[in-house]
mmCIF file of all heavy atoms, coordinates in Angstrom:
data_MODEL
# 
_entry.id   MODEL 
# 
loop_
_atom_site.group_PDB 
_atom_site.id 
_atom_site.type_symbol 
_atom_site.label_atom_id 
_atom_site.label_alt_id 
_atom_site.label_comp_id 
_atom_site.label_asym_id 
_atom_site.label_entity_id 
_atom_site.label_seq_id 
_atom_site.pdbx_PDB_ins_code 
_atom_site.Cartn_x 
_atom_site.Cartn_y 
_atom_site.Cartn_z 
_atom_site.occupancy 
_atom_site.B_iso_or_equiv 
_atom_site.pdbx_formal_charge 
_atom_site.auth_seq_id 
_atom_site.auth_comp_id 
_atom_site.auth_asym_id 
_atom_site.auth_atom_id 
_atom_site.pdbx_PDB_model_num 
ATOM 1   N N   . ALA A 1 1  ? -33.606 88.619  -31.779 1.00 0.00 ? 1  ALA A N   1 
ATOM 2   C CA  . ALA A 1 1  ? -34.097 87.643  -30.806 1.00 0.00 ? 1  ALA A CA  1 
ATOM 3   C C   . ALA A 1 1  ? -35.069 86.662  -31.449 1.00 0.00 ? 1  ALA A C   1 
ATOM 4   O O   . ALA A 1 1  ? -35.064 85.466  -31.125 1.00 0.00 ? 1  ALA A O   1 
ATOM 5   C CB  . ALA A 1 1  ? -34.780 88.357  -29.643 1.00 0.00 ? 1  ALA A CB  1 
ATOM 6   N N   . LEU A 1 2  ? -35.893 87.149  -32.393 1.00 0.00 ? 2  LEU A N   1 
ATOM 7   C CA  . LEU A 1 2  ? -36.902 86.289  -32.998 1.00 0.00 ? 2  LEU A CA  1 
ATOM 8   C C   . LEU A 1 2  ? -36.302 85.298  -33.995 1.00 0.00 ? 2  LEU A C   1 
ATOM 9   O O   . LEU A 1 2  ? -36.799 84.186  -34.133 1.00 0.00 ? 2  LEU A O   1 
ATOM 10  C CB  . LEU A 1 2  ? -37.979 87.144  -33.667 1.00 0.00 ? 2  LEU A CB  1 
ATOM 11  C CG  . LEU A 1 2  ? -38.837 87.972  -32.697 1.00 0.00 ? 2  LEU A CG  1 
ATOM 12  C CD1 . LEU A 1 2  ? -39.806 88.863  -33.466 1.00 0.00 ? 2  LEU A CD1 1 
ATOM 13  C CD2 . LEU A 1 2  ? -39.594 87.073  -31.728 1.00 0.00 ? 2  LEU A CD2 1 
ATOM 14  N N   . VAL A 1 3  ? -35.238 85.685  -34.697 1.00 0.00 ? 3  VAL A N   1 
ATOM 15  C CA  . VAL A 1 3  ? -34.637 84.733  -35.634 1.00 0.00 ? 3  VAL A CA  1 
ATOM 16  C C   . VAL A 1 3  ? -33.718 83.747  -34.926 1.00 0.00 ? 3  VAL A C   1 
ATOM 17  O O   . VAL A 1 3  ? -33.334 82.730  -35.505 1.00 0.00 ? 3  VAL A O   1 
ATOM 18  C CB  . VAL A 1 3  ? -33.880 85.441  -36.787 1.00 0.00 ? 3  VAL A CB  1 
ATOM 19  C CG1 . VAL A 1 3  ? -34.790 86.378  -37.544 1.00 0.00 ? 3  VAL A CG1 1 
ATOM 20  C CG2 . VAL A 1 3  ? -32.647 86.167  -36.277 1.00 0.00 ? 3  VAL A CG2 1 
ATOM 21  N N   . THR A 1 4  ? -33.388 84.029  -33.681 1.00 0.00 ? 4  THR A N   1 
ATOM 22  C CA  . THR A 1 4  ? -32.549 83.087  -32.939 1.00 0.00 ? 4  THR A CA  1 
ATOM 23  C C   . THR A 1 4  ? -33.364 82.206  -31.996 1.00 0.00 ? 4  THR A C   1 
ATOM 24  O O   . THR A 1 4  ? -32.910 81.130  -31.605 1.00 0.00 ? 4  THR A O   1 
ATOM 25  C CB  . THR A 1 4  ? -31.471 83.824  -32.115 1.00 0.00 ? 4  THR A CB  1 
ATOM 26  O OG1 . THR A 1 4  ? -32.099 84.809  -31.279 1.00 0.00 ? 4  THR A OG1 1 
ATOM 27  C CG2 . THR A 1 4  ? -30.486 84.509  -33.042 1.00 0.00 ? 4  THR A CG2 1 
ATOM 28  N N   . LYS A 1 5  ? -34.599 82.643  -31.659 1.00 0.00 ? 5  LYS A N   1 
ATOM 29  C CA  . LYS A 1 5  ? -35.394 81.867  -30.700 1.00 0.00 ? 5  LYS A CA  1 
ATOM 30  C C   . LYS A 1 5  ? -36.787 81.501  -31.208 1.00 0.00 ? 5  LYS A C   1 
ATOM 31  O O   . LYS A 1 5  ? -37.377 80.537  -30.743 1.00 0.00 ? 5  LYS A O   1 
ATOM 32  C CB  . LYS A 1 5  ? -35.533 82.665  -29.398 1.00 0.00 ? 5  LYS A CB  1 
ATOM 33  C CG  . LYS A 1 5  ? -34.216 82.936  -28.700 1.00 0.00 ? 5  LYS A CG  1 
ATOM 34  C CD  . LYS A 1 5  ? -34.425 83.760  -27.437 1.00 0.00 ? 5  LYS A CD  1 
ATOM 35  C CE  . LYS A 1 5  ? -33.098 84.060  -26.752 1.00 0.00 ? 5  LYS A CE  1 
ATOM 36  N NZ  . LYS A 1 5  ? -33.277 84.897  -25.534 1.00 0.00 ? 5  LYS A NZ  1 
ATOM 37  N N   . SER A 1 6  ? -37.351 82.287  -32.119 1.00 0.00 ? 6  SER A N   1 
ATOM 38  C CA  . SER A 1 6  ? -38.706 82.056  -32.643 1.00 0.00 ? 6  SER A CA  1 
ATOM 39  C C   . SER A 1 6  ? -39.777 82.135  -31.561 1.00 0.00 ? 6  SER A C   1 
ATOM 40  O O   . SER A 1 6  ? -40.892 81.672  -31.750 1.00 0.00 ? 6  SER A O   1 
ATOM 41  C CB  . SER A 1 6  ? -38.825 80.702  -33.361 1.00 0.00 ? 6  SER A CB  1 
ATOM 42  O OG  . SER A 1 6  ? -38.294 80.786  -34.667 1.00 0.00 ? 6  SER A OG  1 
ATOM 43  N N   . GLU A 1 7  ? -39.462 82.723  -30.425 1.00 0.00 ? 7  GLU A N   1 
ATOM 44  C CA  . GLU A 1 7  ? -40.441 82.811  -29.343 1.00 0.00 ? 7  GLU A CA  1 
ATOM 45  C C   . GLU A 1 7  ? -41.524 83.834  -29.690 1.00 0.00 ? 7  GLU A C   1 
ATOM 46  O O   . GLU A 1 7  ? -41.245 84.908  -30.220 1.00 0.00 ? 7  GLU A O   1 
ATOM 47  C CB  . GLU A 1 7  ? -39.741 83.201  -28.036 1.00 0.00 ? 7  GLU A CB  1 
ATOM 48  C CG  . GLU A 1 7  ? -38.794 82.122  -27.526 1.00 0.00 ? 7  GLU A CG  1 
ATOM 49  C CD  . GLU A 1 7  ? -38.075 82.534  -26.259 1.00 0.00 ? 7  GLU A CD  1 
ATOM 50  O OE1 . GLU A 1 7  ? -38.264 83.693  -25.833 1.00 0.00 ? 7  GLU A OE1 1 
ATOM 51  O OE2 . GLU A 1 7  ? -37.314 81.714  -25.713 1.00 0.00 ? 7  GLU A OE2 1 
ATOM 52  N N   . GLY A 1 8  ? -42.767 83.499  -29.375 1.00 0.00 ? 8  GLY A N   1 
ATOM 53  C CA  . GLY A 1 8  ? -43.870 84.427  -29.597 1.00 0.00 ? 8  GLY A CA  1 
ATOM 54  C C   . GLY A 1 8  ? -44.355 84.481  -31.026 1.00 0.00 ? 8  GLY A C   1 
ATOM 55  O O   . GLY A 1 8  ? -45.191 85.324  -31.359 1.00 0.00 ? 8  GLY A O   1 
ATOM 56  N N   . LEU A 1 9  ? -43.878 83.597  -31.882 1.00 0.00 ? 9  LEU A N   1 
ATOM 57  C CA  . LEU A 1 9  ? -44.288 83.606  -33.292 1.00 0.00 ? 9  LEU A CA  1 
ATOM 58  C C   . LEU A 1 9  ? -45.364 82.543  -33.487 1.00 0.00 ? 9  LEU A C   1 
ATOM 59  O O   . LEU A 1 9  ? -45.066 81.379  -33.706 1.00 0.00 ? 9  LEU A O   1 
ATOM 60  C CB  . LEU A 1 9  ? -43.087 83.350  -34.203 1.00 0.00 ? 9  LEU A CB  1 
ATOM 61  C CG  . LEU A 1 9  ? -41.938 84.354  -34.086 1.00 0.00 ? 9  LEU A CG  1 
ATOM 62  C CD1 . LEU A 1 9  ? -40.855 84.052  -35.117 1.00 0.00 ? 9  LEU A CD1 1 
ATOM 63  C CD2 . LEU A 1 9  ? -42.428 85.777  -34.267 1.00 0.00 ? 9  LEU A CD2 1 
ATOM 64  N N   . GLU A 1 10 ? -46.597 82.985  -33.413 1.00 0.00 ? 10 GLU A N   1 
ATOM 65  C CA  . GLU A 1 10 ? -47.727 82.055  -33.485 1.00 0.00 ? 10 GLU A CA  1 
ATOM 66  C C   . GLU A 1 10 ? -48.397 82.047  -34.850 1.00 0.00 ? 10 GLU A C   1 
ATOM 67  O O   . GLU A 1 10 ? -49.318 81.275  -35.076 1.00 0.00 ? 10 GLU A O   1 
ATOM 68  C CB  . GLU A 1 10 ? -48.755 82.418  -32.404 1.00 0.00 ? 10 GLU A CB  1 
ATOM 69  C CG  . GLU A 1 10 ? -48.200 82.424  -30.989 1.00 0.00 ? 10 GLU A CG  1 
ATOM 70  C CD  . GLU A 1 10 ? -47.617 81.087  -30.572 1.00 0.00 ? 10 GLU A CD  1 
ATOM 71  O OE1 . GLU A 1 10 ? -48.113 80.050  -31.066 1.00 0.00 ? 10 GLU A OE1 1 
ATOM 72  O OE2 . GLU A 1 10 ? -46.654 81.081  -29.768 1.00 0.00 ? 10 GLU A OE2 1 
ATOM 73  N N   . ARG A 1 11 ? -47.958 82.938  -35.761 1.00 0.00 ? 11 ARG A N   1 
ATOM 74  C CA  . ARG A 1 11 ? -48.612 83.040  -37.070 1.00 0.00 ? 11 ARG A CA  1 
ATOM 75  C C   . ARG A 1 11 ? -47.583 82.832  -38.184 1.00 0.00 ? 11 ARG A C   1 
ATOM 76  O O   . ARG A 1 11 ? -47.415 83.670  -39.063 1.00 0.00 ? 11 ARG A O   1 
ATOM 77  C CB  . ARG A 1 11 ? -49.306 84.396  -37.216 1.00 0.00 ? 11 ARG A CB  1 
ATOM 78  C CG  . ARG A 1 11 ? -50.386 84.665  -36.169 1.00 0.00 ? 11 ARG A CG  1 
ATOM 79  C CD  . ARG A 1 11 ? -51.053 86.004  -36.415 1.00 0.00 ? 11 ARG A CD  1 
ATOM 80  N NE  . ARG A 1 11 ? -50.105 87.104  -36.307 1.00 0.00 ? 11 ARG A NE  1 
ATOM 81  C CZ  . ARG A 1 11 ? -50.355 88.352  -36.686 1.00 0.00 ? 11 ARG A CZ  1 
ATOM 82  N NH1 . ARG A 1 11 ? -51.526 88.650  -37.227 1.00 0.00 ? 11 ARG A NH1 1 
ATOM 83  N NH2 . ARG A 1 11 ? -49.444 89.296  -36.538 1.00 0.00 ? 11 ARG A NH2 1 
ATOM 84  N N   . SER A 1 12 ? -46.910 81.711  -38.148 1.00 0.00 ? 12 SER A N   1 
ATOM 85  C CA  . SER A 1 12 ? -45.853 81.441  -39.112 1.00 0.00 ? 12 SER A CA  1 
ATOM 86  C C   . SER A 1 12 ? -46.398 81.366  -40.542 1.00 0.00 ? 12 SER A C   1 
ATOM 87  O O   . SER A 1 12 ? -47.402 80.698  -40.798 1.00 0.00 ? 12 SER A O   1 
ATOM 88  C CB  . SER A 1 12 ? -45.151 80.124  -38.771 1.00 0.00 ? 12 SER A CB  1 
ATOM 89  O OG  . SER A 1 12 ? -44.166 79.811  -39.728 1.00 0.00 ? 12 SER A OG  1 
ATOM 90  N N   . VAL A 1 13 ? -45.716 82.045  -41.457 1.00 0.00 ? 13 VAL A N   1 
ATOM 91  C CA  . VAL A 1 13 ? -46.081 81.968  -42.876 1.00 0.00 ? 13 VAL A CA  1 
ATOM 92  C C   . VAL A 1 13 ? -44.899 81.521  -43.742 1.00 0.00 ? 13 VAL A C   1 
ATOM 93  O O   . VAL A 1 13 ? -45.038 81.343  -44.952 1.00 0.00 ? 13 VAL A O   1 
ATOM 94  C CB  . VAL A 1 13 ? -46.626 83.313  -43.402 1.00 0.00 ? 13 VAL A CB  1 
ATOM 95  C CG1 . VAL A 1 13 ? -48.015 83.579  -42.829 1.00 0.00 ? 13 VAL A CG1 1 
ATOM 96  C CG2 . VAL A 1 13 ? -45.675 84.466  -43.083 1.00 0.00 ? 13 VAL A CG2 1 
ATOM 97  N N   . ALA A 1 14 ? -43.736 81.330  -43.129 1.00 0.00 ? 14 ALA A N   1 
ATOM 98  C CA  . ALA A 1 14 ? -42.539 80.837  -43.828 1.00 0.00 ? 14 ALA A CA  1 
ATOM 99  C C   . ALA A 1 14 ? -41.475 80.584  -42.776 1.00 0.00 ? 14 ALA A C   1 
ATOM 100 O O   . ALA A 1 14 ? -41.641 80.939  -41.607 1.00 0.00 ? 14 ALA A O   1 
ATOM 101 C CB  . ALA A 1 14 ? -42.050 81.842  -44.868 1.00 0.00 ? 14 ALA A CB  1 
ATOM 102 N N   . MET A 1 15 ? -40.378 79.982  -43.222 1.00 0.00 ? 15 MET A N   1 
ATOM 103 C CA  . MET A 1 15 ? -39.263 79.730  -42.319 1.00 0.00 ? 15 MET A CA  1 
ATOM 104 C C   . MET A 1 15 ? -37.960 80.230  -42.915 1.00 0.00 ? 15 MET A C   1 
ATOM 105 O O   . MET A 1 15 ? -37.793 80.280  -44.146 1.00 0.00 ? 15 MET A O   1 
ATOM 106 C CB  . MET A 1 15 ? -39.141 78.233  -42.022 1.00 0.00 ? 15 MET A CB  1 
ATOM 107 C CG  . MET A 1 15 ? -40.350 77.629  -41.321 1.00 0.00 ? 15 MET A CG  1 
ATOM 108 S SD  . MET A 1 15 ? -39.996 75.971  -40.698 1.00 0.00 ? 15 MET A SD  1 
ATOM 109 C CE  . MET A 1 15 ? -38.939 76.370  -39.301 1.00 0.00 ? 15 MET A CE  1 
ATOM 110 N N   . GLY A 1 16 ? -37.049 80.608  -42.043 1.00 0.00 ? 16 GLY A N   1 
ATOM 111 C CA  . GLY A 1 16 ? -35.704 80.985  -42.445 1.00 0.00 ? 16 GLY A CA  1 
ATOM 112 C C   . GLY A 1 16 ? -34.691 80.112  -41.735 1.00 0.00 ? 16 GLY A C   1 
ATOM 113 O O   . GLY A 1 16 ? -35.003 79.501  -40.716 1.00 0.00 ? 16 GLY A O   1 
ATOM 114 N N   . ALA A 1 17 ? -33.465 80.061  -42.262 1.00 0.00 ? 17 ALA A N   1 
ATOM 115 C CA  . ALA A 1 17 ? -32.439 79.230  -41.633 1.00 0.00 ? 17 ALA A CA  1 
ATOM 116 C C   . ALA A 1 17 ? -31.027 79.754  -41.866 1.00 0.00 ? 17 ALA A C   1 
ATOM 117 O O   . ALA A 1 17 ? -30.081 79.263  -41.250 1.00 0.00 ? 17 ALA A O   1 
ATOM 118 C CB  . ALA A 1 17 ? -32.538 77.785  -42.149 1.00 0.00 ? 17 ALA A CB  1 
ATOM 119 N N   . TYR A 1 18 ? -30.861 80.721  -42.749 1.00 0.00 ? 18 TYR A N   1 
ATOM 120 C CA  . TYR A 1 18 ? -29.522 81.221  -43.055 1.00 0.00 ? 18 TYR A CA  1 
ATOM 121 C C   . TYR A 1 18 ? -29.021 82.085  -41.899 1.00 0.00 ? 18 TYR A C   1 
ATOM 122 O O   . TYR A 1 18 ? -29.800 82.676  -41.151 1.00 0.00 ? 18 TYR A O   1 
ATOM 123 C CB  . TYR A 1 18 ? -29.548 82.033  -44.345 1.00 0.00 ? 18 TYR A CB  1 
ATOM 124 C CG  . TYR A 1 18 ? -28.198 82.174  -45.000 1.00 0.00 ? 18 TYR A CG  1 
ATOM 125 C CD1 . TYR A 1 18 ? -27.601 81.088  -45.631 1.00 0.00 ? 18 TYR A CD1 1 
ATOM 126 C CD2 . TYR A 1 18 ? -27.515 83.388  -44.998 1.00 0.00 ? 18 TYR A CD2 1 
ATOM 127 C CE1 . TYR A 1 18 ? -26.362 81.202  -46.242 1.00 0.00 ? 18 TYR A CE1 1 
ATOM 128 C CE2 . TYR A 1 18 ? -26.275 83.519  -45.605 1.00 0.00 ? 18 TYR A CE2 1 
ATOM 129 C CZ  . TYR A 1 18 ? -25.700 82.423  -46.219 1.00 0.00 ? 18 TYR A CZ  1 
ATOM 130 O OH  . TYR A 1 18 ? -24.475 82.540  -46.817 1.00 0.00 ? 18 TYR A OH  1 
ATOM 131 N N   . GLY A 1 19 ? -27.729 82.172  -41.761 1.00 0.00 ? 19 GLY A N   1 
ATOM 132 C CA  . GLY A 1 19 ? -27.152 82.992  -40.705 1.00 0.00 ? 19 GLY A CA  1 
ATOM 133 C C   . GLY A 1 19 ? -27.481 84.463  -40.870 1.00 0.00 ? 19 GLY A C   1 
ATOM 134 O O   . GLY A 1 19 ? -27.869 84.915  -41.943 1.00 0.00 ? 19 GLY A O   1 
ATOM 135 N N   . MET A 1 20 ? -27.348 85.212  -39.792 1.00 0.00 ? 20 MET A N   1 
ATOM 136 C CA  . MET A 1 20 ? -27.524 86.668  -39.863 1.00 0.00 ? 20 MET A CA  1 
ATOM 137 C C   . MET A 1 20 ? -26.325 87.232  -40.608 1.00 0.00 ? 20 MET A C   1 
ATOM 138 O O   . MET A 1 20 ? -25.203 87.213  -40.099 1.00 0.00 ? 20 MET A O   1 
ATOM 139 C CB  . MET A 1 20 ? -27.669 87.245  -38.449 1.00 0.00 ? 20 MET A CB  1 
ATOM 140 C CG  . MET A 1 20 ? -28.985 86.860  -37.799 1.00 0.00 ? 20 MET A CG  1 
ATOM 141 S SD  . MET A 1 20 ? -29.129 87.406  -36.079 1.00 0.00 ? 20 MET A SD  1 
ATOM 142 C CE  . MET A 1 20 ? -28.040 86.204  -35.276 1.00 0.00 ? 20 MET A CE  1 
ATOM 143 N N   . ASP A 1 21 ? -26.568 87.736  -41.794 1.00 0.00 ? 21 ASP A N   1 
ATOM 144 C CA  . ASP A 1 21 ? -25.504 88.034  -42.757 1.00 0.00 ? 21 ASP A CA  1 
ATOM 145 C C   . ASP A 1 21 ? -25.639 89.456  -43.272 1.00 0.00 ? 21 ASP A C   1 
ATOM 146 O O   . ASP A 1 21 ? -26.580 89.779  -43.989 1.00 0.00 ? 21 ASP A O   1 
ATOM 147 C CB  . ASP A 1 21 ? -25.594 87.029  -43.916 1.00 0.00 ? 21 ASP A CB  1 
ATOM 148 C CG  . ASP A 1 21 ? -24.554 87.297  -45.005 1.00 0.00 ? 21 ASP A CG  1 
ATOM 149 O OD1 . ASP A 1 21 ? -23.529 87.913  -44.700 1.00 0.00 ? 21 ASP A OD1 1 
ATOM 150 O OD2 . ASP A 1 21 ? -24.795 86.890  -46.157 1.00 0.00 ? 21 ASP A OD2 1 
ATOM 151 N N   . SER A 1 22 ? -24.715 90.289  -42.885 1.00 0.00 ? 22 SER A N   1 
ATOM 152 C CA  . SER A 1 22 ? -24.643 91.637  -43.449 1.00 0.00 ? 22 SER A CA  1 
ATOM 153 C C   . SER A 1 22 ? -23.285 91.808  -44.097 1.00 0.00 ? 22 SER A C   1 
ATOM 154 O O   . SER A 1 22 ? -22.249 91.565  -43.462 1.00 0.00 ? 22 SER A O   1 
ATOM 155 C CB  . SER A 1 22 ? -24.829 92.705  -42.369 1.00 0.00 ? 22 SER A CB  1 
ATOM 156 O OG  . SER A 1 22 ? -24.576 93.998  -42.897 1.00 0.00 ? 22 SER A OG  1 
ATOM 157 N N   . HIS A 1 23 ? -23.282 92.216  -45.343 1.00 0.00 ? 23 HIS A N   1 
ATOM 158 C CA  . HIS A 1 23 ? -22.009 92.582  -45.978 1.00 0.00 ? 23 HIS A CA  1 
ATOM 159 C C   . HIS A 1 23 ? -21.534 93.917  -45.415 1.00 0.00 ? 23 HIS A C   1 
ATOM 160 O O   . HIS A 1 23 ? -22.282 94.649  -44.767 1.00 0.00 ? 23 HIS A O   1 
ATOM 161 C CB  . HIS A 1 23 ? -22.184 92.665  -47.490 1.00 0.00 ? 23 HIS A CB  1 
ATOM 162 C CG  . HIS A 1 23 ? -22.218 91.325  -48.151 1.00 0.00 ? 23 HIS A CG  1 
ATOM 163 N ND1 . HIS A 1 23 ? -21.431 90.995  -49.230 1.00 0.00 ? 23 HIS A ND1 1 
ATOM 164 C CD2 . HIS A 1 23 ? -22.943 90.211  -47.882 1.00 0.00 ? 23 HIS A CD2 1 
ATOM 165 C CE1 . HIS A 1 23 ? -21.667 89.756  -49.598 1.00 0.00 ? 23 HIS A CE1 1 
ATOM 166 N NE2 . HIS A 1 23 ? -22.586 89.253  -48.789 1.00 0.00 ? 23 HIS A NE2 1 
ATOM 167 N N   . ASN A 1 24 ? -20.276 94.214  -45.658 1.00 0.00 ? 24 ASN A N   1 
ATOM 168 C CA  . ASN A 1 24 ? -19.746 95.497  -45.216 1.00 0.00 ? 24 ASN A CA  1 
ATOM 169 C C   . ASN A 1 24 ? -20.558 96.642  -45.807 1.00 0.00 ? 24 ASN A C   1 
ATOM 170 O O   . ASN A 1 24 ? -21.134 96.517  -46.899 1.00 0.00 ? 24 ASN A O   1 
ATOM 171 C CB  . ASN A 1 24 ? -18.282 95.638  -45.630 1.00 0.00 ? 24 ASN A CB  1 
ATOM 172 C CG  . ASN A 1 24 ? -17.348 94.819  -44.748 1.00 0.00 ? 24 ASN A CG  1 
ATOM 173 O OD1 . ASN A 1 24 ? -17.352 94.960  -43.531 1.00 0.00 ? 24 ASN A OD1 1 
ATOM 174 N ND2 . ASN A 1 24 ? -16.550 93.947  -45.354 1.00 0.00 ? 24 ASN A ND2 1 
ATOM 175 N N   . VAL A 1 25 ? -20.592 97.750  -45.083 1.00 0.00 ? 25 VAL A N   1 
ATOM 176 C CA  . VAL A 1 25 ? -21.333 98.916  -45.573 1.00 0.00 ? 25 VAL A CA  1 
ATOM 177 C C   . VAL A 1 25 ? -20.426 100.088 -45.918 1.00 0.00 ? 25 VAL A C   1 
ATOM 178 O O   . VAL A 1 25 ? -20.848 101.020 -46.597 1.00 0.00 ? 25 VAL A O   1 
ATOM 179 C CB  . VAL A 1 25 ? -22.399 99.373  -44.551 1.00 0.00 ? 25 VAL A CB  1 
ATOM 180 C CG1 . VAL A 1 25 ? -23.351 98.251  -44.208 1.00 0.00 ? 25 VAL A CG1 1 
ATOM 181 C CG2 . VAL A 1 25 ? -21.773 99.940  -43.292 1.00 0.00 ? 25 VAL A CG2 1 
ATOM 182 N N   . GLN A 1 26 ? -19.174 100.068 -45.445 1.00 0.00 ? 26 GLN A N   1 
ATOM 183 C CA  . GLN A 1 26 ? -18.304 101.210 -45.707 1.00 0.00 ? 26 GLN A CA  1 
ATOM 184 C C   . GLN A 1 26 ? -16.844 100.841 -45.485 1.00 0.00 ? 26 GLN A C   1 
ATOM 185 O O   . GLN A 1 26 ? -16.518 99.817  -44.888 1.00 0.00 ? 26 GLN A O   1 
ATOM 186 C CB  . GLN A 1 26 ? -18.660 102.371 -44.771 1.00 0.00 ? 26 GLN A CB  1 
ATOM 187 C CG  . GLN A 1 26 ? -18.429 102.051 -43.302 1.00 0.00 ? 26 GLN A CG  1 
ATOM 188 C CD  . GLN A 1 26 ? -18.520 103.263 -42.397 1.00 0.00 ? 26 GLN A CD  1 
ATOM 189 O OE1 . GLN A 1 26 ? -18.167 104.385 -42.785 1.00 0.00 ? 26 GLN A OE1 1 
ATOM 190 N NE2 . GLN A 1 26 ? -18.997 103.059 -41.177 1.00 0.00 ? 26 GLN A NE2 1 
ATOM 191 N N   . ARG A 1 27 ? -15.967 101.729 -45.982 1.00 0.00 ? 27 ARG A N   1 
ATOM 192 C CA  . ARG A 1 27 ? -14.543 101.716 -45.634 1.00 0.00 ? 27 ARG A CA  1 
ATOM 193 C C   . ARG A 1 27 ? -14.238 103.018 -44.905 1.00 0.00 ? 27 ARG A C   1 
ATOM 194 O O   . ARG A 1 27 ? -14.761 104.079 -45.267 1.00 0.00 ? 27 ARG A O   1 
ATOM 195 C CB  . ARG A 1 27 ? -13.658 101.588 -46.871 1.00 0.00 ? 27 ARG A CB  1 
ATOM 196 C CG  . ARG A 1 27 ? -13.735 100.223 -47.521 1.00 0.00 ? 27 ARG A CG  1 
ATOM 197 C CD  . ARG A 1 27 ? -12.616 99.980  -48.524 1.00 0.00 ? 27 ARG A CD  1 
ATOM 198 N NE  . ARG A 1 27 ? -12.685 98.602  -48.969 1.00 0.00 ? 27 ARG A NE  1 
ATOM 199 C CZ  . ARG A 1 27 ? -13.214 98.206  -50.125 1.00 0.00 ? 27 ARG A CZ  1 
ATOM 200 N NH1 . ARG A 1 27 ? -13.692 99.105  -50.973 1.00 0.00 ? 27 ARG A NH1 1 
ATOM 201 N NH2 . ARG A 1 27 ? -13.267 96.936  -50.436 1.00 0.00 ? 27 ARG A NH2 1 
ATOM 202 N N   . HIS A 1 28 ? -13.381 102.928 -43.894 1.00 0.00 ? 28 HIS A N   1 
ATOM 203 C CA  . HIS A 1 28 ? -13.067 104.128 -43.117 1.00 0.00 ? 28 HIS A CA  1 
ATOM 204 C C   . HIS A 1 28 ? -11.641 104.018 -42.589 1.00 0.00 ? 28 HIS A C   1 
ATOM 205 O O   . HIS A 1 28 ? -11.019 102.944 -42.637 1.00 0.00 ? 28 HIS A O   1 
ATOM 206 C CB  . HIS A 1 28 ? -14.054 104.285 -41.953 1.00 0.00 ? 28 HIS A CB  1 
ATOM 207 C CG  . HIS A 1 28 ? -13.917 103.228 -40.899 1.00 0.00 ? 28 HIS A CG  1 
ATOM 208 N ND1 . HIS A 1 28 ? -13.223 103.421 -39.719 1.00 0.00 ? 28 HIS A ND1 1 
ATOM 209 C CD2 . HIS A 1 28 ? -14.385 101.949 -40.839 1.00 0.00 ? 28 HIS A CD2 1 
ATOM 210 C CE1 . HIS A 1 28 ? -13.270 102.321 -38.993 1.00 0.00 ? 28 HIS A CE1 1 
ATOM 211 N NE2 . HIS A 1 28 ? -13.966 101.405 -39.647 1.00 0.00 ? 28 HIS A NE2 1 
# 
């Protein structure tokens, strides 16, 4: 929620912009 809305973040020390990215973790 915070990386998509930034709501409630009053103490910013950096910014992000890349998509939420997880590589695969397993084969099944």
